[in-house]
């Protein structure tokens, strides 16, 4: 079965055994001291965590599961680490047997096996734990190892012998297994699937598919086992303090790395074959280049390194008595150079090394440097500080300094005097020319050439030169402090400035690669495009400020040593830039997370970055010198999906379980997530969205919690994704579905009930409003009726009585005249007209009193009024009914009848109509009364004024309609007839 990690890359609890064994004092006497204390510190990127960071102390075993978690076990419990946060792990289905953990080991199926120091083991998978103890067949003694053989069988190593798991029960191997019943400390499975067990009786191994252990010929004693390259297996004999090989070829080993180990508490062979030794004082790193050591004084989290482990990304983890340490191989390696060399000129040699200041530096892969001074340091003061290097074709190394030149050729090292007129002038720059002459910039004197014969020659007058660069293809280029750039090719000198597009501030770097000319300065980067310089801009507004070193590689990539870090612009991006000068390039930025710190030097030295003969870049920063192999790929991020850890109400979230239903009222939800990334967790970025609420992804940087607010009851799909170390987003994301239960106020039946209550309330309010309007109208009409009755009484008691008395007097006078008297005839005619007036007055009084109201239905009342108003020679009114006639409220009928009668009267009196139609439409929502004629119509000015002057008919109709809350519409025009339409609400018009 394939393992998640090679056995040689794990510090299992096998190493733990060393911290618990009784080691002879003689080994400790060999160990230490003065020699190792003087050894250099481990030159890897070092990070430490202690209790204040949440790290556990005195961890005995470490491993990494397939999901990327780093697991740590020790006397204080089981912990896991994602690169950012330590957390003590508690299974969701129950506790561990004890917090006192002796070993942790990850298997390829994603499970984690845990051994307890007080006896028993456990399997942890998908957050659920299965504990095994005495009742399951294990002895009540510490489990120092848990491992799987080539057939998938699980074995446990205990002080009372080996045990294997079968049908969920642990069994002691029978004699046929050829395993002595003695104490065992170490289990290890190698690349081939062979299971190795080491105990007091020796080392035994079980081949895949075999049912019998074999004993290794070498007597290795009690210790730990390691699987090295080329199928070599070695055993540490703790009692003798040395390694023994138990399998493989001896010529594949490097025994010189295994000497002078002292009294180790933990051991590890990493994937490179280098040896890590944890001691009571610190951590030692054995490589072919030598031994480096880190102690608490160099930043180690504590003493007593009890476990060492290598994860899948190649990081080395060390557990101390006070915390956890990580040693990571970053892309840039710090080169240990003398302090006096930092900030001075740098130039590479032909063997992968470099001259830096007054020293030659040869560095190994681990960053250990061999430094050789070019002359006795400090003997010449400032004249030993070199500001610029160059080499002529004859192999002579030239350096510039204060008041002189330095010339080095093999063992010949001398000062070269400046011209007499220059005196002790400062020499900032030197540059080799084709004929082995040297171009020399003399401060305040200009540019000179020193010929091979020693003669000095003045070259033009470019001004005070700040940077020089020359190549056979591009010629000589000079940058001046006034911001100009000068191209000198023979006798031709050409200047470039702002008019030619050069705008990088003070030029601090010039780089020539073939015909390419790159210029870096205080405010950016530019390249020569024909006769003009074009600026280079990066995405997201990057301007590449503060460049003092530029290198273009043969593959087209451009490297920049700038203030904000070390930049790489891929060749493909530069090709796009050349096709489209306004294009903003993609780039990669390396900073302190990649092993580099400080900022690029300002102006001196220039260049601050050079390409060595072995293809590596040497980079000068304010904090030191670094080396980088551009061919090394960027570290890949772990291909792990985001893990949802906890979800729930803010501040009270719980471990994730599916299906997930949150309580009603959970409007604010907190979701904690992570992705185990042990090398560069700070580079990982997260984004998430909720499908039901978010249209786009929300990028939240390195934050590992999402806070969702204003959520309502319903189903939600939360999606989260993590970038890799280079900021690229994956094609897939992690999704969790959760449901928020509705509160009572959010259920459909509650909403339906509220809707029904609202409708009922609206209906009752409408009925109350109608009743109120009816009461108001009834009160108004009663007042009006009372007023009409008063007027009727006044008319009857005054006007009609007076007229009637006048008629009687006239009649009495008429009786005295002769019958055929013409005067009598006239008086009798006048008396008949007076009687008609009295009858009409009595009719009006009856109308005012409403004696006929309600006695006839509305259509009959309309016909009666039309008959009464019709002149003897006029056509009758045509009445039509629509709908089922309904009884009207007496008050409403009286007002409506008065309006209809007025419309009919106007049609007879003023319109001269040949046809008058009255249409009564009884509807469920309204009563509609329409009176239309084909008469002369109403003049426009009458329509505008609302009636004729001193006539009140039309105004009275409008006032009546307003009083009963009815709608009265008039449509008329001169010569086109007239139509009156009265609309009454059914609730007011009809009786109930």
Foldseek 3Di string as FASTA:
>chain_A
DDWPDFLQQFFWLLLLVLQVDDFDVVLQVLADDDVQVPFAAQQFDKDWDFVVQVFDAPFQGWDAFPQQWIWTAAQQAIWTDQQRHIDGAAAPPHGAPHRHWRTWYYGNVRWIKTKHQQAWIWIADPSHIDTDGVVQPTDRHTFQDWDAALQGWIWTFGQQAIWIDDPSGTDHDDCQQVGDRGHWHEWTAHPQRKIWTQDQVAIWIDHRPDRHIDGFPDRQDDHYWHQAPQRWIWGQHSHVGFIDTRDGDPVVADRVQTPNLRSFSGWHQRNVRWIWTAHQFFIWTGDPVGIHTDGVVNPYQHGGFNTWGAYPLGWIWTHHRGGIMIGHHFQKTFADDDPLQAQAEWDFDQPQWIDTQQWTWDADPSRHIDIDGNDPPPPPPFQSGFQEWEAEPVGWIWTFTFQWIWIDDPNDTDTHGDPPVLGRFGWNYWYADNQRWIWTQTVPPGIWIQHPVRDIGHDDPPDRFLDWDADPQQGIWTFYQVQWIWHDDPPDIDIDHVVQPRDQHRWQEWDDDRNWIWTHAQFAIWIDDPRHIFTAAAPPGRRQGAWNAWDADPQQWIWTQGFVAIKIFHRVQVVVCNVPVVDHTYIFGDEVLSPDYAGADHRTRHNQWDAYNVQKIWGRHNVHIMIGRVPDDHRKWPPRAKAWAWKAAVPDTDGDDPPAEYEAPRQKMKIFIGRRGNRRLQQKWKWKDKVVPDPDIDTDRSDRMDIGGRDAFDKIKIWMWIAISRRHTDPDTDIHIYGYHHDPCRDPVNVVVVVVVVVVVVVVVVVVVLVVLLVVLVVVVVVQLVVLLVVLVCCVVPVLVVLVVVLVVLVVVLVVDDPPDPVSVVSVVVSVVSVVVSVVSVVSSCLSNVVCQPVDALVVLLQVLQVVLADPPADGAAEEEADDDAGWDSSLSSLVSLLSSLVSNCCRPPFVFNYWYWYWYDDPFKTKIKIKTQGQWDAPVCVVVQHDPPDCSSVSNVVSCVSQVWDWDWDTYGRGIIMIMIIHTPSNTHDD
